[in-house]
Amino acid sequence: EKAGKPEKIKIEVTQADIEENIKRGGGSTLDNTGKTTPVWPVVMEAAFAKTRDTNHADGLKEGYDAIAGGWSRQAMYALTGEKGTDIRLAEAKTAGTDKVFERVRDAIAEGRAVTLSTDPEPGAKQDGLNDNHVYMVDRIYKDKAGQVMVELRNPYARNDYVGEGQDT
């Protein structure tokens, strides 16, 4: 980043980089489980790992380790150069659910990417979502009773963790 503006860079991703990432189970499991599914998540993840790896000749382990975890805002910034906006649960409590609903609905209508990050729920009833995970928000709407409903897409394609249920 220079003077507050993101720097555009070109990153070459080779076939070997793609194969290494697939072998390590990288990219989106949902998007890369069959022969006719897109490979772009693997390419993007390999490129992002390269930005965090100091020696590409020995593989990209250092880069993958550096990008494991983190926040969706970091990935969004790397892709778009936009810092984005966080909406926290506290805002829904103070501004009201309708205000947050409108902000998310409008962002989706404008074609902006919207994600939902989850925190652990120690000792609480599980909500069916993976803890410490990021979902893509496909849609937000109100049902017939006026209840806010959110449709999510899980890049893992399923929830694997004990007590979290099965996501189809």
Protein backbone atom coordinates (compact mmCIF):
# COMPACT_ATOMS: atom_id res chain seq x y z
CA GLU A 1 0.00 0.00 0.00
CA LYS A 2 1.42 3.38 -1.01
CA ALA A 3 0.02 6.66 0.31
CA GLY A 4 -3.23 4.98 1.32
CA LYS A 5 -3.80 3.41 -2.10
CA PRO A 6 -3.42 -0.32 -2.72
CA GLU A 7 -0.62 -1.36 -5.01
CA LYS A 8 -1.54 -3.54 -7.99
CA ILE A 9 0.77 -6.51 -8.43
CA LYS A 10 0.97 -9.35 -10.92
CA ILE A 11 1.45 -12.85 -9.52
CA GLU A 12 2.19 -15.83 -11.74
CA VAL A 13 0.54 -19.07 -10.59
CA THR A 14 1.98 -22.17 -12.24
CA GLN A 15 0.41 -25.56 -12.80
CA ALA A 16 2.78 -26.90 -10.11
CA ASP A 17 1.43 -24.26 -7.65
CA ILE A 18 -2.13 -25.35 -8.43
CA GLU A 19 -1.31 -29.04 -8.00
CA GLU A 20 0.51 -28.38 -4.72
CA ASN A 21 -2.48 -26.46 -3.37
CA ILE A 22 -4.96 -29.16 -4.40
CA LYS A 23 -2.79 -31.87 -2.80
CA ARG A 24 -2.73 -29.94 0.48
CA GLY A 25 -6.54 -29.65 0.40
CA GLY A 26 -6.43 -25.94 -0.30
CA GLY A 27 -8.82 -23.71 -2.16
CA SER A 28 -12.52 -24.20 -1.79
CA THR A 29 -13.57 -27.80 -1.22
CA LEU A 30 -17.01 -26.94 -2.57
CA ASP A 31 -15.64 -25.54 -5.81
CA ASN A 32 -12.95 -28.16 -6.35
CA THR A 33 -14.45 -31.58 -5.73
CA GLY A 34 -15.05 -32.69 -9.31
CA LYS A 35 -13.46 -32.63 -12.74
CA THR A 36 -15.84 -29.98 -14.09
CA THR A 37 -15.76 -27.59 -11.14
CA PRO A 38 -13.89 -24.26 -11.27
CA VAL A 39 -10.30 -24.13 -10.13
CA TRP A 40 -10.20 -20.37 -9.46
CA PRO A 41 -10.28 -20.66 -5.64
CA VAL A 42 -7.10 -22.77 -5.75
CA VAL A 43 -5.43 -20.27 -8.09
CA MET A 44 -6.41 -17.30 -5.92
CA GLU A 45 -5.25 -19.00 -2.72
CA ALA A 46 -1.91 -19.96 -4.30
CA ALA A 47 -1.42 -16.38 -5.50
CA PHE A 48 -2.24 -15.00 -2.05
CA ALA A 49 0.17 -17.49 -0.43
CA LYS A 50 2.89 -16.32 -2.83
CA THR A 51 2.48 -12.76 -1.53
CA ARG A 52 3.37 -14.03 1.96
CA ASP A 53 6.16 -16.49 1.04
CA THR A 54 9.81 -15.44 0.90
CA ASN A 55 11.17 -18.42 -1.08
CA HIS A 56 8.84 -19.85 -3.72
CA ALA A 57 11.49 -22.38 -4.81
CA ASP A 58 10.92 -24.53 -1.70
CA GLY A 59 7.14 -24.61 -2.09
CA LEU A 60 4.63 -22.26 -0.53
CA LYS A 61 4.36 -23.70 2.99
CA GLU A 62 5.52 -20.43 4.57
CA GLY A 63 2.89 -18.53 2.56
CA TYR A 64 0.08 -20.95 3.38
CA ASP A 65 1.01 -20.87 7.06
CA ALA A 66 0.94 -17.06 6.96
CA ILE A 67 -2.56 -16.92 5.46
CA ALA A 68 -4.12 -19.66 7.60
CA GLY A 69 -6.92 -18.11 9.58
CA GLY A 70 -7.21 -14.36 9.62
CA TRP A 71 -10.19 -12.20 8.79
CA SER A 72 -12.29 -11.99 5.65
CA ARG A 73 -11.59 -8.24 5.51
CA GLN A 74 -7.92 -9.07 4.82
CA ALA A 75 -8.83 -11.25 1.84
CA MET A 76 -11.33 -8.68 0.57
CA TYR A 77 -8.68 -5.97 0.75
CA ALA A 78 -6.15 -8.14 -1.08
CA LEU A 79 -8.67 -8.79 -3.86
CA THR A 80 -10.38 -5.42 -4.19
CA GLY A 81 -8.23 -2.79 -2.50
CA GLU A 82 -11.30 -1.82 -0.46
CA LYS A 83 -11.17 -2.03 3.31
CA GLY A 84 -14.87 -2.84 3.58
CA THR A 85 -17.16 -2.33 6.53
CA ASP A 86 -17.59 -4.52 9.60
CA ILE A 87 -21.01 -4.87 11.17
CA ARG A 88 -20.80 -6.34 14.64
CA LEU A 89 -23.47 -7.98 16.75
CA ALA A 90 -23.39 -5.00 19.10
CA GLU A 91 -24.55 -2.80 16.22
CA ALA A 92 -27.62 -4.99 15.72
CA LYS A 93 -28.36 -4.61 19.41
CA THR A 94 -27.98 -0.81 19.43
CA ALA A 95 -29.10 0.23 15.91
CA GLY A 96 -31.67 -2.51 15.60
CA THR A 97 -32.01 -5.57 13.42
CA ASP A 98 -33.88 -3.67 10.68
CA LYS A 99 -31.02 -1.20 10.24
CA VAL A 100 -28.47 -4.01 9.89
CA PHE A 101 -30.86 -5.91 7.57
CA GLU A 102 -31.10 -2.85 5.31
CA ARG A 103 -27.33 -2.34 5.21
CA VAL A 104 -26.68 -5.97 4.26
CA ARG A 105 -29.58 -6.08 1.77
CA ASP A 106 -28.35 -2.88 0.09
CA ALA A 107 -24.75 -4.13 -0.09
CA ILE A 108 -25.88 -7.33 -1.82
CA ALA A 109 -28.13 -5.34 -4.19
CA GLU A 110 -25.11 -3.17 -5.09
CA GLY A 111 -23.13 -6.29 -5.98
CA ARG A 112 -20.73 -5.96 -3.06
CA ALA A 113 -19.33 -9.09 -1.45
CA VAL A 114 -20.81 -9.83 1.97
CA THR A 115 -19.44 -12.40 4.39
CA LEU A 116 -20.45 -13.63 7.83
CA SER A 117 -17.77 -14.63 10.33
CA THR A 118 -18.53 -16.91 13.26
CA ASP A 119 -17.08 -17.00 16.76
CA PRO A 120 -16.95 -20.01 19.10
CA GLU A 121 -19.94 -20.59 21.37
CA PRO A 122 -18.37 -22.30 24.39
CA GLY A 123 -21.03 -23.70 26.67
CA ALA A 124 -23.85 -22.38 24.45
CA LYS A 125 -26.28 -24.28 22.27
CA GLN A 126 -24.60 -24.79 18.93
CA ASP A 127 -26.03 -22.86 15.99
CA GLY A 128 -25.19 -25.31 13.18
CA LEU A 129 -22.34 -23.17 11.83
CA ASN A 130 -18.62 -23.89 11.97
CA ASP A 131 -16.86 -21.84 14.63
CA ASN A 132 -14.09 -19.45 13.54
CA HIS A 133 -15.22 -19.68 9.94
CA VAL A 134 -16.34 -17.33 7.16
CA TYR A 135 -19.46 -17.87 5.08
CA MET A 136 -20.54 -16.03 1.95
CA VAL A 137 -23.91 -14.29 2.33
CA ASP A 138 -25.95 -15.20 -0.75
CA ARG A 139 -29.20 -13.57 0.28
CA ILE A 140 -30.94 -11.79 3.14
CA TYR A 141 -34.71 -11.45 3.31
CA LYS A 142 -37.68 -11.40 5.66
CA ASP A 143 -39.96 -14.41 5.86
CA LYS A 144 -43.77 -14.19 6.04
CA ALA A 145 -43.58 -13.57 9.79
CA GLY A 146 -41.13 -10.67 9.29
CA GLN A 147 -38.20 -12.65 10.68
CA VAL A 148 -34.84 -11.82 9.08
CA MET A 149 -33.44 -14.85 7.24
CA VAL A 150 -29.92 -15.17 5.86
CA GLU A 151 -28.84 -17.70 3.22
CA LEU A 152 -25.19 -18.61 3.49
CA ARG A 153 -22.75 -20.48 1.28
CA ASN A 154 -20.09 -22.50 3.03
CA PRO A 155 -16.83 -22.70 1.07
CA TYR A 156 -16.10 -26.00 2.85
CA ALA A 157 -19.36 -27.41 1.42
CA ARG A 158 -20.19 -28.99 4.79
CA ASN A 159 -19.78 -28.49 8.52
CA ASP A 160 -17.31 -31.04 9.83
CA TYR A 161 -17.13 -30.25 13.48
CA VAL A 162 -18.76 -32.21 16.28
CA GLY A 163 -22.04 -30.69 17.40
CA GLU A 164 -22.30 -28.32 14.45
CA GLY A 165 -24.67 -30.37 12.28
CA GLN A 166 -24.53 -31.08 8.56
CA ASP A 167 -24.64 -28.27 6.03
CA THR A 168 -25.93 -29.25 2.60
